[in-house]
Amino acid sequence: MAARTATVTRNTLETQISVELNLDGTGASDFDTGIPFLEHMLDQVARHGMVDLKIHAKGDLHIDDHHTVEDIGITLGQAIAKAVGDKKGINRYGHAYVPLDEALSRAVIDFSGRPGLEMHVDFTRGQVGNFDVDLFFEFFQGFVNHAQVTLHLDNLRGVNSHHQAETIFKAFGRALRMALTADARMGDTTPSTKGVL
């Protein structure tokens, strides 16, 4: 299998983002975004998705975190789409349930070529530290639009909002890993009756 790597940069008047990834990595990560809690969540994706992930971002954080978080999601989605290529031989679908103490979340992903997000997370608090949890929706919406995937995220239970968020990102990483794993029985065929994704 060819190396599944990508480097993508996105520069706007609001943000400058660079993402480097290796879908067949060891979970190594390197983040410099100015948003510590988001970096903690992205580390879960790298470690549990077994993706080597480097994200550096400069954004208008003096306004708020919104543009930076959304644009990181967009750029990560672009990098995933570039690295996965024609999707031949992958599982296509992935799912995971992840607990953390009282919290339990589920992620289900389909590399369908069609962007769609169903995110059902009733956070018990509006912020974790200084981070506005509403921005997680913006992150995942940007991601699915540019990775061209369908993604369902559900927090099934939880009291601690940090735990709720962490289980969502861990489950997302695990589901990503499953979907992107090569299935030897598929060979180089596309996992779709359409013959293309």
N, C-alpha and C. Protein backbone atom coordinates (compact mmCIF):
# COMPACT_ATOMS: atom_id res chain seq x y z
N MET A 1 0.85 -1.19 0.00
CA MET A 1 0.00 0.00 0.00
C MET A 1 0.89 1.25 0.00
N ALA A 2 0.51 2.20 -0.82
CA ALA A 2 1.25 3.46 -0.88
C ALA A 2 1.10 4.22 0.43
N ALA A 3 2.08 5.05 0.72
CA ALA A 3 2.04 5.86 1.95
C ALA A 3 0.80 6.73 1.95
N ARG A 4 0.07 6.70 3.05
CA ARG A 4 -1.14 7.51 3.17
C ARG A 4 -0.83 8.71 4.05
N THR A 5 -0.21 9.68 3.44
CA THR A 5 0.22 10.88 4.16
C THR A 5 -0.31 12.11 3.42
N ALA A 6 -0.36 13.22 4.13
CA ALA A 6 -0.80 14.46 3.51
C ALA A 6 -0.29 15.64 4.31
N THR A 7 -0.05 16.73 3.62
CA THR A 7 0.24 18.02 4.23
C THR A 7 -0.66 19.06 3.57
N VAL A 8 -1.40 19.78 4.39
CA VAL A 8 -2.35 20.78 3.88
C VAL A 8 -2.18 22.06 4.67
N THR A 9 -2.19 23.18 3.98
CA THR A 9 -2.19 24.48 4.65
C THR A 9 -3.43 25.24 4.22
N ARG A 10 -3.93 26.04 5.13
CA ARG A 10 -5.10 26.89 4.87
C ARG A 10 -4.82 28.26 5.46
N ASN A 11 -4.80 29.25 4.62
CA ASN A 11 -4.52 30.61 5.07
C ASN A 11 -5.68 31.52 4.70
N THR A 12 -6.24 32.18 5.71
CA THR A 12 -7.30 33.16 5.49
C THR A 12 -6.92 34.43 6.24
N LEU A 13 -7.77 35.42 6.17
CA LEU A 13 -7.53 36.65 6.92
C LEU A 13 -7.70 36.44 8.43
N GLU A 14 -8.33 35.30 8.79
CA GLU A 14 -8.59 35.02 10.21
C GLU A 14 -7.64 34.00 10.81
N THR A 15 -7.18 33.05 9.99
CA THR A 15 -6.36 31.96 10.51
C THR A 15 -5.31 31.52 9.51
N GLN A 16 -4.25 30.92 10.03
CA GLN A 16 -3.24 30.24 9.23
C GLN A 16 -3.05 28.86 9.86
N ILE A 17 -3.42 27.83 9.12
CA ILE A 17 -3.44 26.47 9.65
C ILE A 17 -2.54 25.58 8.79
N SER A 18 -1.75 24.71 9.43
CA SER A 18 -1.04 23.66 8.71
C SER A 18 -1.29 22.32 9.40
N VAL A 19 -1.58 21.31 8.60
CA VAL A 19 -1.83 19.97 9.11
C VAL A 19 -0.95 18.99 8.34
N GLU A 20 -0.21 18.16 9.06
CA GLU A 20 0.54 17.04 8.48
C GLU A 20 0.05 15.77 9.16
N LEU A 21 -0.22 14.75 8.36
CA LEU A 21 -0.67 13.50 8.99
C LEU A 21 -0.20 12.28 8.23
N ASN A 22 -0.15 11.18 8.96
CA ASN A 22 0.16 9.86 8.43
C ASN A 22 -0.91 8.92 8.98
N LEU A 23 -1.76 8.42 8.09
CA LEU A 23 -2.87 7.57 8.54
C LEU A 23 -2.40 6.23 9.08
N ASP A 24 -1.18 5.84 8.77
CA ASP A 24 -0.64 4.56 9.23
C ASP A 24 0.50 4.80 10.21
N GLY A 25 0.25 5.70 11.15
CA GLY A 25 1.28 6.10 12.10
C GLY A 25 1.24 5.32 13.39
N THR A 26 1.81 5.93 14.42
CA THR A 26 1.91 5.29 15.74
C THR A 26 1.17 6.07 16.82
N GLY A 27 0.49 7.14 16.41
CA GLY A 27 -0.22 7.97 17.38
C GLY A 27 0.57 9.16 17.86
N ALA A 28 1.67 9.45 17.20
CA ALA A 28 2.50 10.60 17.59
C ALA A 28 1.77 11.90 17.26
N SER A 29 1.98 12.93 18.09
CA SER A 29 1.29 14.19 17.85
C SER A 29 2.19 15.38 18.20
N ASP A 30 1.90 16.49 17.55
CA ASP A 30 2.62 17.74 17.78
C ASP A 30 1.64 18.87 17.48
N PHE A 31 1.25 19.61 18.51
CA PHE A 31 0.24 20.64 18.35
C PHE A 31 0.75 21.99 18.86
N ASP A 32 0.40 23.02 18.13
CA ASP A 32 0.66 24.39 18.57
C ASP A 32 -0.47 25.24 17.99
N THR A 33 -1.55 25.36 18.74
CA THR A 33 -2.75 26.04 18.26
C THR A 33 -3.16 27.23 19.12
N GLY A 34 -2.61 27.31 20.31
CA GLY A 34 -3.04 28.34 21.24
C GLY A 34 -4.31 28.00 21.99
N ILE A 35 -4.83 26.77 21.77
CA ILE A 35 -6.07 26.34 22.43
C ILE A 35 -5.80 25.01 23.13
N PRO A 36 -5.36 25.04 24.37
CA PRO A 36 -4.90 23.81 25.05
C PRO A 36 -5.94 22.69 25.13
N PHE A 37 -7.19 23.02 25.42
CA PHE A 37 -8.17 21.93 25.56
C PHE A 37 -8.45 21.26 24.22
N LEU A 38 -8.48 22.01 23.14
CA LEU A 38 -8.63 21.41 21.82
C LEU A 38 -7.44 20.50 21.53
N GLU A 39 -6.24 20.92 21.88
CA GLU A 39 -5.06 20.09 21.67
C GLU A 39 -5.16 18.78 22.45
N HIS A 40 -5.70 18.85 23.66
CA HIS A 40 -5.91 17.64 24.47
C HIS A 40 -6.86 16.68 23.75
N MET A 41 -7.90 17.22 23.12
CA MET A 41 -8.85 16.39 22.38
C MET A 41 -8.22 15.82 21.11
N LEU A 42 -7.46 16.65 20.39
CA LEU A 42 -6.80 16.18 19.18
C LEU A 42 -5.78 15.08 19.48
N ASP A 43 -5.17 15.16 20.64
CA ASP A 43 -4.24 14.11 21.06
C ASP A 43 -4.95 12.77 21.19
N GLN A 44 -6.22 12.81 21.63
CA GLN A 44 -7.01 11.57 21.72
C GLN A 44 -7.21 10.96 20.33
N VAL A 45 -7.47 11.82 19.34
CA VAL A 45 -7.67 11.33 17.97
C VAL A 45 -6.39 10.67 17.46
N ALA A 46 -5.26 11.31 17.67
CA ALA A 46 -3.99 10.74 17.21
C ALA A 46 -3.71 9.41 17.89
N ARG A 47 -3.80 9.38 19.21
CA ARG A 47 -3.43 8.18 19.96
C ARG A 47 -4.38 7.01 19.71
N HIS A 48 -5.67 7.30 19.70
CA HIS A 48 -6.64 6.21 19.55
C HIS A 48 -6.91 5.88 18.09
N GLY A 49 -6.62 6.82 17.20
CA GLY A 49 -6.75 6.56 15.78
C GLY A 49 -5.49 6.00 15.15
N MET A 50 -4.39 5.97 15.93
CA MET A 50 -3.08 5.55 15.43
C MET A 50 -2.70 6.36 14.19
N VAL A 51 -2.94 7.66 14.29
CA VAL A 51 -2.62 8.61 13.23
C VAL A 51 -1.52 9.53 13.75
N ASP A 52 -0.44 9.68 13.00
CA ASP A 52 0.54 10.70 13.34
C ASP A 52 -0.02 12.04 12.89
N LEU A 53 -0.07 13.00 13.81
CA LEU A 53 -0.80 14.23 13.53
C LEU A 53 -0.03 15.44 14.04
N LYS A 54 0.25 16.35 13.13
CA LYS A 54 0.91 17.61 13.48
C LYS A 54 0.02 18.75 13.01
N ILE A 55 -0.39 19.59 13.95
CA ILE A 55 -1.24 20.73 13.62
C ILE A 55 -0.68 21.98 14.26
N HIS A 56 -0.37 22.95 13.43
CA HIS A 56 0.06 24.26 13.91
C HIS A 56 -0.93 25.29 13.39
N ALA A 57 -1.34 26.19 14.27
CA ALA A 57 -2.35 27.17 13.89
C ALA A 57 -2.08 28.51 14.56
N LYS A 58 -2.33 29.55 13.79
CA LYS A 58 -2.36 30.91 14.34
C LYS A 58 -3.68 31.51 13.92
N GLY A 59 -4.42 32.00 14.91
CA GLY A 59 -5.73 32.54 14.60
C GLY A 59 -6.04 33.79 15.40
N ASP A 60 -7.19 34.35 15.14
CA ASP A 60 -7.61 35.58 15.82
C ASP A 60 -8.20 35.27 17.20
N LEU A 61 -7.37 34.68 18.05
CA LEU A 61 -7.82 34.28 19.38
C LEU A 61 -8.15 35.47 20.26
N HIS A 62 -7.70 36.66 19.87
CA HIS A 62 -8.07 37.86 20.63
C HIS A 62 -9.56 38.16 20.49
N ILE A 63 -10.18 37.61 19.43
CA ILE A 63 -11.64 37.75 19.28
C ILE A 63 -12.31 36.62 20.06
N ASP A 64 -12.10 35.39 19.62
CA ASP A 64 -12.46 34.18 20.37
C ASP A 64 -11.87 33.00 19.62
N ASP A 65 -12.19 31.78 20.06
CA ASP A 65 -11.58 30.58 19.48
C ASP A 65 -12.30 30.07 18.24
N HIS A 66 -13.44 30.65 17.92
CA HIS A 66 -14.33 30.09 16.90
C HIS A 66 -13.66 29.83 15.56
N HIS A 67 -13.06 30.85 14.97
CA HIS A 67 -12.48 30.70 13.64
C HIS A 67 -11.36 29.67 13.62
N THR A 68 -10.55 29.67 14.66
CA THR A 68 -9.41 28.75 14.71
C THR A 68 -9.89 27.30 14.84
N VAL A 69 -10.85 27.06 15.72
CA VAL A 69 -11.36 25.70 15.91
C VAL A 69 -12.03 25.19 14.63
N GLU A 70 -12.87 26.01 14.03
CA GLU A 70 -13.56 25.61 12.80
C GLU A 70 -12.57 25.34 11.68
N ASP A 71 -11.58 26.22 11.52
CA ASP A 71 -10.63 26.07 10.42
C ASP A 71 -9.68 24.90 10.62
N ILE A 72 -9.40 24.55 11.87
CA ILE A 72 -8.62 23.33 12.13
C ILE A 72 -9.44 22.12 11.68
N GLY A 73 -10.73 22.10 11.97
CA GLY A 73 -11.59 21.01 11.52
C GLY A 73 -11.61 20.90 10.00
N ILE A 74 -11.73 22.06 9.33
CA ILE A 74 -11.74 22.09 7.87
C ILE A 74 -10.43 21.53 7.31
N THR A 75 -9.32 22.02 7.83
CA THR A 75 -8.01 21.63 7.29
C THR A 75 -7.71 20.16 7.59
N LEU A 76 -8.10 19.68 8.77
CA LEU A 76 -7.93 18.27 9.09
C LEU A 76 -8.75 17.41 8.13
N GLY A 77 -9.98 17.83 7.84
CA GLY A 77 -10.81 17.10 6.89
C GLY A 77 -10.18 17.05 5.51
N GLN A 78 -9.62 18.16 5.06
CA GLN A 78 -8.94 18.19 3.76
C GLN A 78 -7.74 17.24 3.73
N ALA A 79 -6.99 17.22 4.84
CA ALA A 79 -5.82 16.35 4.91
C ALA A 79 -6.20 14.88 4.91
N ILE A 80 -7.25 14.54 5.65
CA ILE A 80 -7.73 13.14 5.67
C ILE A 80 -8.16 12.72 4.26
N ALA A 81 -8.94 13.57 3.59
CA ALA A 81 -9.41 13.24 2.25
C ALA A 81 -8.24 13.04 1.29
N LYS A 82 -7.24 13.89 1.40
CA LYS A 82 -6.07 13.79 0.52
C LYS A 82 -5.29 12.50 0.81
N ALA A 83 -5.10 12.19 2.09
CA ALA A 83 -4.31 11.01 2.46
C ALA A 83 -5.00 9.70 2.10
N VAL A 84 -6.31 9.65 2.24
CA VAL A 84 -7.02 8.39 1.99
C VAL A 84 -7.18 8.11 0.50
N GLY A 85 -7.13 9.15 -0.31
CA GLY A 85 -7.14 8.96 -1.76
C GLY A 85 -8.43 8.37 -2.29
N ASP A 86 -8.31 7.33 -3.13
CA ASP A 86 -9.49 6.78 -3.81
C ASP A 86 -10.30 5.81 -2.93
N LYS A 87 -9.83 5.55 -1.73
CA LYS A 87 -10.54 4.72 -0.73
C LYS A 87 -10.61 3.24 -1.08
N LYS A 88 -9.87 2.83 -2.10
CA LYS A 88 -9.88 1.41 -2.46
C LYS A 88 -9.27 0.57 -1.34
N GLY A 89 -9.96 -0.52 -1.02
CA GLY A 89 -9.43 -1.49 -0.07
C GLY A 89 -9.65 -1.17 1.40
N ILE A 90 -10.27 -0.02 1.72
CA ILE A 90 -10.49 0.30 3.14
C ILE A 90 -11.81 -0.31 3.62
N ASN A 91 -11.94 -0.39 4.94
CA ASN A 91 -13.19 -0.89 5.51
C ASN A 91 -14.38 0.02 5.17
N ARG A 92 -14.11 1.31 5.06
CA ARG A 92 -15.09 2.37 4.79
C ARG A 92 -15.87 2.75 6.04
N TYR A 93 -16.42 1.81 6.76
CA TYR A 93 -17.22 2.09 7.95
C TYR A 93 -16.39 1.86 9.21
N GLY A 94 -16.66 2.67 10.22
CA GLY A 94 -16.03 2.46 11.52
C GLY A 94 -16.95 2.89 12.63
N HIS A 95 -16.82 2.23 13.76
CA HIS A 95 -17.65 2.60 14.91
C HIS A 95 -16.90 2.29 16.20
N ALA A 96 -17.27 2.99 17.25
CA ALA A 96 -16.64 2.74 18.55
C ALA A 96 -17.51 3.28 19.67
N TYR A 97 -17.53 2.56 20.77
CA TYR A 97 -18.08 3.04 22.04
C TYR A 97 -16.90 3.23 22.98
N VAL A 98 -16.86 4.36 23.66
CA VAL A 98 -15.77 4.61 24.60
C VAL A 98 -16.33 5.16 25.91
N PRO A 99 -15.98 4.52 27.04
CA PRO A 99 -16.36 5.04 28.35
C PRO A 99 -15.21 5.81 28.99
N LEU A 100 -15.54 6.71 29.86
CA LEU A 100 -14.58 7.33 30.77
C LEU A 100 -15.34 7.63 32.05
N ASP A 101 -15.09 6.80 33.05
CA ASP A 101 -15.83 6.90 34.31
C ASP A 101 -17.33 6.88 34.03
N GLU A 102 -18.05 7.95 34.37
CA GLU A 102 -19.51 7.94 34.23
C GLU A 102 -19.98 8.23 32.80
N ALA A 103 -19.08 8.67 31.94
CA ALA A 103 -19.45 9.08 30.58
C ALA A 103 -19.27 7.94 29.58
N LEU A 104 -20.15 7.93 28.58
CA LEU A 104 -20.09 6.92 27.53
C LEU A 104 -20.52 7.58 26.22
N SER A 105 -19.70 7.43 25.18
CA SER A 105 -20.02 8.02 23.89
C SER A 105 -19.82 7.02 22.76
N ARG A 106 -20.51 7.30 21.66
CA ARG A 106 -20.45 6.44 20.48
C ARG A 106 -20.15 7.30 19.25
N ALA A 107 -19.28 6.78 18.39
CA ALA A 107 -18.99 7.43 17.11
C ALA A 107 -19.14 6.40 16.00
N VAL A 108 -19.79 6.81 14.92
CA VAL A 108 -19.96 5.96 13.75
C VAL A 108 -19.63 6.80 12.52
N ILE A 109 -18.74 6.29 11.67
CA ILE A 109 -18.29 7.07 10.51
C ILE A 109 -18.39 6.24 9.24
N ASP A 110 -18.68 6.92 8.15
CA ASP A 110 -18.77 6.29 6.83
C ASP A 110 -18.04 7.19 5.84
N PHE A 111 -17.02 6.65 5.20
CA PHE A 111 -16.30 7.39 4.16
C PHE A 111 -17.09 7.29 2.86
N SER A 112 -18.24 7.91 2.88
CA SER A 112 -19.26 7.77 1.84
C SER A 112 -19.06 8.70 0.66
N GLY A 113 -18.26 9.75 0.84
CA GLY A 113 -18.18 10.79 -0.17
C GLY A 113 -19.28 11.82 -0.02
N ARG A 114 -20.11 11.66 1.01
CA ARG A 114 -21.21 12.59 1.26
C ARG A 114 -21.06 13.17 2.66
N PRO A 115 -20.95 14.49 2.77
CA PRO A 115 -20.80 15.08 4.10
C PRO A 115 -22.11 15.08 4.88
N GLY A 116 -22.04 14.65 6.13
CA GLY A 116 -23.21 14.68 6.99
C GLY A 116 -22.79 14.54 8.43
N LEU A 117 -23.37 15.35 9.29
CA LEU A 117 -23.05 15.29 10.72
C LEU A 117 -24.32 15.21 11.53
N GLU A 118 -24.39 14.21 12.39
CA GLU A 118 -25.42 14.12 13.43
C GLU A 118 -24.67 14.07 14.75
N MET A 119 -24.71 15.17 15.47
CA MET A 119 -23.99 15.25 16.75
C MET A 119 -24.98 15.55 17.86
N HIS A 120 -25.11 14.61 18.77
CA HIS A 120 -26.07 14.73 19.86
C HIS A 120 -25.33 14.62 21.20
N VAL A 121 -24.92 15.75 21.68
CA VAL A 121 -24.16 15.83 22.93
C VAL A 121 -24.74 16.97 23.76
N ASP A 122 -25.37 16.62 24.85
CA ASP A 122 -25.90 17.63 25.77
C ASP A 122 -24.89 17.84 26.88
N PHE A 123 -23.96 18.76 26.63
CA PHE A 123 -22.94 19.03 27.63
C PHE A 123 -23.57 19.58 28.90
N THR A 124 -23.06 19.13 30.03
CA THR A 124 -23.62 19.56 31.31
C THR A 124 -23.15 20.95 31.70
N ARG A 125 -22.08 21.42 31.06
CA ARG A 125 -21.60 22.80 31.25
C ARG A 125 -21.27 23.39 29.90
N GLY A 126 -21.32 24.70 29.81
CA GLY A 126 -21.04 25.38 28.55
C GLY A 126 -19.56 25.54 28.27
N GLN A 127 -18.74 25.38 29.29
CA GLN A 127 -17.31 25.54 29.12
C GLN A 127 -16.54 24.49 29.90
N VAL A 128 -15.40 24.11 29.34
CA VAL A 128 -14.40 23.34 30.09
C VAL A 128 -13.20 24.26 30.20
N GLY A 129 -12.92 24.71 31.40
CA GLY A 129 -11.92 25.75 31.56
C GLY A 129 -12.39 26.99 30.82
N ASN A 130 -11.59 27.46 29.88
CA ASN A 130 -11.98 28.62 29.08
C ASN A 130 -12.51 28.23 27.70
N PHE A 131 -12.67 26.94 27.47
CA PHE A 131 -13.08 26.48 26.14
C PHE A 131 -14.60 26.36 26.05
N ASP A 132 -15.18 26.98 25.02
CA ASP A 132 -16.62 26.93 24.76
C ASP A 132 -16.95 25.63 24.03
N VAL A 133 -17.69 24.74 24.69
CA VAL A 133 -17.95 23.42 24.12
C VAL A 133 -18.83 23.47 22.87
N ASP A 134 -19.54 24.57 22.63
CA ASP A 134 -20.30 24.71 21.39
C ASP A 134 -19.40 24.61 20.17
N LEU A 135 -18.13 24.95 20.34
CA LEU A 135 -17.20 24.96 19.21
C LEU A 135 -16.86 23.56 18.70
N PHE A 136 -17.14 22.53 19.50
CA PHE A 136 -16.89 21.18 19.01
C PHE A 136 -17.78 20.86 17.81
N PHE A 137 -19.02 21.37 17.83
CA PHE A 137 -19.89 21.17 16.67
C PHE A 137 -19.28 21.82 15.44
N GLU A 138 -18.74 23.01 15.60
CA GLU A 138 -18.13 23.72 14.47
C GLU A 138 -16.91 22.96 13.93
N PHE A 139 -16.13 22.38 14.85
CA PHE A 139 -14.98 21.58 14.45
C PHE A 139 -15.42 20.39 13.61
N PHE A 140 -16.39 19.63 14.11
CA PHE A 140 -16.81 18.42 13.40
C PHE A 140 -17.56 18.75 12.11
N GLN A 141 -18.32 19.86 12.09
CA GLN A 141 -18.99 20.25 10.86
C GLN A 141 -17.98 20.60 9.78
N GLY A 142 -16.95 21.35 10.14
CA GLY A 142 -15.88 21.65 9.20
C GLY A 142 -15.19 20.38 8.72
N PHE A 143 -14.96 19.46 9.64
CA PHE A 143 -14.29 18.21 9.29
C PHE A 143 -15.09 17.41 8.27
N VAL A 144 -16.38 17.15 8.56
CA VAL A 144 -17.16 16.28 7.67
C VAL A 144 -17.35 16.92 6.29
N ASN A 145 -17.50 18.24 6.25
CA ASN A 145 -17.69 18.92 4.97
C ASN A 145 -16.51 18.72 4.03
N HIS A 146 -15.31 18.65 4.61
CA HIS A 146 -14.11 18.59 3.78
C HIS A 146 -13.49 17.20 3.69
N ALA A 147 -13.77 16.34 4.66
CA ALA A 147 -13.35 14.94 4.54
C ALA A 147 -14.34 14.15 3.70
N GLN A 148 -15.54 14.72 3.49
CA GLN A 148 -16.60 14.07 2.72
C GLN A 148 -16.99 12.74 3.38
N VAL A 149 -17.32 12.82 4.68
CA VAL A 149 -17.74 11.64 5.43
C VAL A 149 -19.08 11.92 6.10
N THR A 150 -19.77 10.85 6.42
CA THR A 150 -20.94 10.92 7.29
C THR A 150 -20.49 10.51 8.68
N LEU A 151 -20.85 11.32 9.68
CA LEU A 151 -20.37 11.08 11.04
C LEU A 151 -21.52 11.25 12.02
N HIS A 152 -21.73 10.23 12.84
CA HIS A 152 -22.71 10.29 13.92
C HIS A 152 -21.96 10.25 15.25
N LEU A 153 -22.20 11.23 16.08
CA LEU A 153 -21.58 11.32 17.40
C LEU A 153 -22.67 11.44 18.45
N ASP A 154 -22.65 10.53 19.42
CA ASP A 154 -23.66 10.54 20.47
C ASP A 154 -23.01 10.35 21.83
N ASN A 155 -23.29 11.27 22.73
CA ASN A 155 -22.93 11.06 24.13
C ASN A 155 -24.12 10.40 24.80
N LEU A 156 -23.95 9.16 25.20
CA LEU A 156 -25.06 8.37 25.72
C LEU A 156 -25.33 8.64 27.18
N ARG A 157 -24.27 8.99 27.92
CA ARG A 157 -24.45 9.42 29.30
C ARG A 157 -23.19 10.15 29.75
N GLY A 158 -23.33 10.95 30.77
CA GLY A 158 -22.19 11.69 31.28
C GLY A 158 -22.63 12.84 32.14
N VAL A 159 -21.84 13.14 33.16
CA VAL A 159 -22.10 14.24 34.08
C VAL A 159 -21.01 15.29 33.97
N ASN A 160 -19.79 14.84 33.82
CA ASN A 160 -18.63 15.73 33.73
C ASN A 160 -18.41 16.10 32.26
N SER A 161 -18.45 17.39 31.95
CA SER A 161 -18.35 17.81 30.54
C SER A 161 -16.99 17.50 29.93
N HIS A 162 -15.93 17.50 30.73
CA HIS A 162 -14.62 17.09 30.23
C HIS A 162 -14.68 15.63 29.79
N HIS A 163 -15.29 14.78 30.60
CA HIS A 163 -15.42 13.37 30.26
C HIS A 163 -16.28 13.18 29.02
N GLN A 164 -17.36 13.96 28.92
CA GLN A 164 -18.22 13.87 27.74
C GLN A 164 -17.41 14.16 26.47
N ALA A 165 -16.67 15.25 26.48
CA ALA A 165 -15.88 15.63 25.32
C ALA A 165 -14.81 14.59 25.02
N GLU A 166 -14.13 14.13 26.05
CA GLU A 166 -13.03 13.20 25.83
C GLU A 166 -13.51 11.88 25.26
N THR A 167 -14.66 11.39 25.71
CA THR A 167 -15.18 10.14 25.16
C THR A 167 -15.59 10.32 23.70
N ILE A 168 -16.12 11.48 23.35
CA ILE A 168 -16.48 11.76 21.95
C ILE A 168 -15.23 11.69 21.07
N PHE A 169 -14.16 12.34 21.49
CA PHE A 169 -12.96 12.38 20.66
C PHE A 169 -12.24 11.04 20.63
N LYS A 170 -12.23 10.31 21.73
CA LYS A 170 -11.62 8.99 21.72
C LYS A 170 -12.40 8.05 20.81
N ALA A 171 -13.72 8.10 20.90
CA ALA A 171 -14.55 7.24 20.05
C ALA A 171 -14.38 7.62 18.58
N PHE A 172 -14.28 8.91 18.30
CA PHE A 172 -14.05 9.38 16.94
C PHE A 172 -12.72 8.82 16.40
N GLY A 173 -11.67 8.89 17.20
CA GLY A 173 -10.38 8.35 16.79
C GLY A 173 -10.44 6.86 16.51
N ARG A 174 -11.12 6.12 17.39
CA ARG A 174 -11.24 4.67 17.21
C ARG A 174 -12.04 4.32 15.96
N ALA A 175 -13.14 5.05 15.74
CA ALA A 175 -13.97 4.79 14.56
C ALA A 175 -13.20 5.11 13.29
N LEU A 176 -12.45 6.20 13.32
CA LEU A 176 -11.61 6.59 12.18
C LEU A 176 -10.62 5.49 11.85
N ARG A 177 -9.99 4.98 12.88
CA ARG A 177 -8.99 3.90 12.70
C ARG A 177 -9.62 2.67 12.05
N MET A 178 -10.80 2.28 12.51
CA MET A 178 -11.47 1.11 11.95
C MET A 178 -11.83 1.33 10.48
N ALA A 179 -12.39 2.50 10.19
CA ALA A 179 -12.84 2.77 8.82
C ALA A 179 -11.69 2.81 7.83
N LEU A 180 -10.54 3.31 8.26
CA LEU A 180 -9.41 3.49 7.36
C LEU A 180 -8.50 2.28 7.27
N THR A 181 -8.76 1.28 8.09
CA THR A 181 -7.94 0.06 8.04
C THR A 181 -8.18 -0.68 6.73
N ALA A 182 -7.10 -1.16 6.13
CA ALA A 182 -7.20 -1.92 4.89
C ALA A 182 -7.78 -3.30 5.18
N ASP A 183 -8.70 -3.74 4.34
CA ASP A 183 -9.29 -5.07 4.42
C ASP A 183 -8.69 -5.90 3.29
N ALA A 184 -7.87 -6.87 3.66
CA ALA A 184 -7.15 -7.67 2.66
C ALA A 184 -8.11 -8.34 1.68
N ARG A 185 -9.31 -8.68 2.13
CA ARG A 185 -10.27 -9.34 1.25
C ARG A 185 -10.80 -8.41 0.17
N MET A 186 -10.72 -7.08 0.45
CA MET A 186 -11.20 -6.10 -0.53
C MET A 186 -10.23 -5.93 -1.69
N GLY A 187 -8.94 -6.26 -1.44
CA GLY A 187 -7.94 -6.03 -2.48
C GLY A 187 -7.88 -4.55 -2.82
N ASP A 188 -7.97 -4.24 -4.10
CA ASP A 188 -7.95 -2.83 -4.49
C ASP A 188 -9.31 -2.39 -5.03
N THR A 189 -10.36 -3.06 -4.56
CA THR A 189 -11.71 -2.68 -4.98
C THR A 189 -12.26 -1.58 -4.09
N THR A 190 -13.25 -0.88 -4.58
CA THR A 190 -13.89 0.19 -3.83
C THR A 190 -15.06 -0.39 -3.04
N PRO A 191 -15.17 -0.10 -1.73
CA PRO A 191 -16.23 -0.68 -0.92
C PRO A 191 -17.59 -0.01 -1.16
N SER A 192 -18.09 -0.13 -2.39
CA SER A 192 -19.38 0.45 -2.74
C SER A 192 -19.91 -0.25 -3.99
N THR A 193 -21.21 -0.49 -4.03
CA THR A 193 -21.82 -1.07 -5.22
C THR A 193 -21.76 -0.08 -6.39
N LYS A 194 -21.56 1.20 -6.10
CA LYS A 194 -21.43 2.19 -7.16
C LYS A 194 -20.09 2.09 -7.88
N GLY A 195 -19.11 1.50 -7.18
CA GLY A 195 -17.77 1.40 -7.74
C GLY A 195 -16.91 2.63 -7.52
N VAL A 196 -17.48 3.62 -6.83
CA VAL A 196 -16.75 4.86 -6.55
C VAL A 196 -17.34 5.49 -5.30
N LEU A 197 -16.47 6.13 -4.52
CA LEU A 197 -16.92 6.85 -3.32
C LEU A 197 -16.45 8.28 -3.42
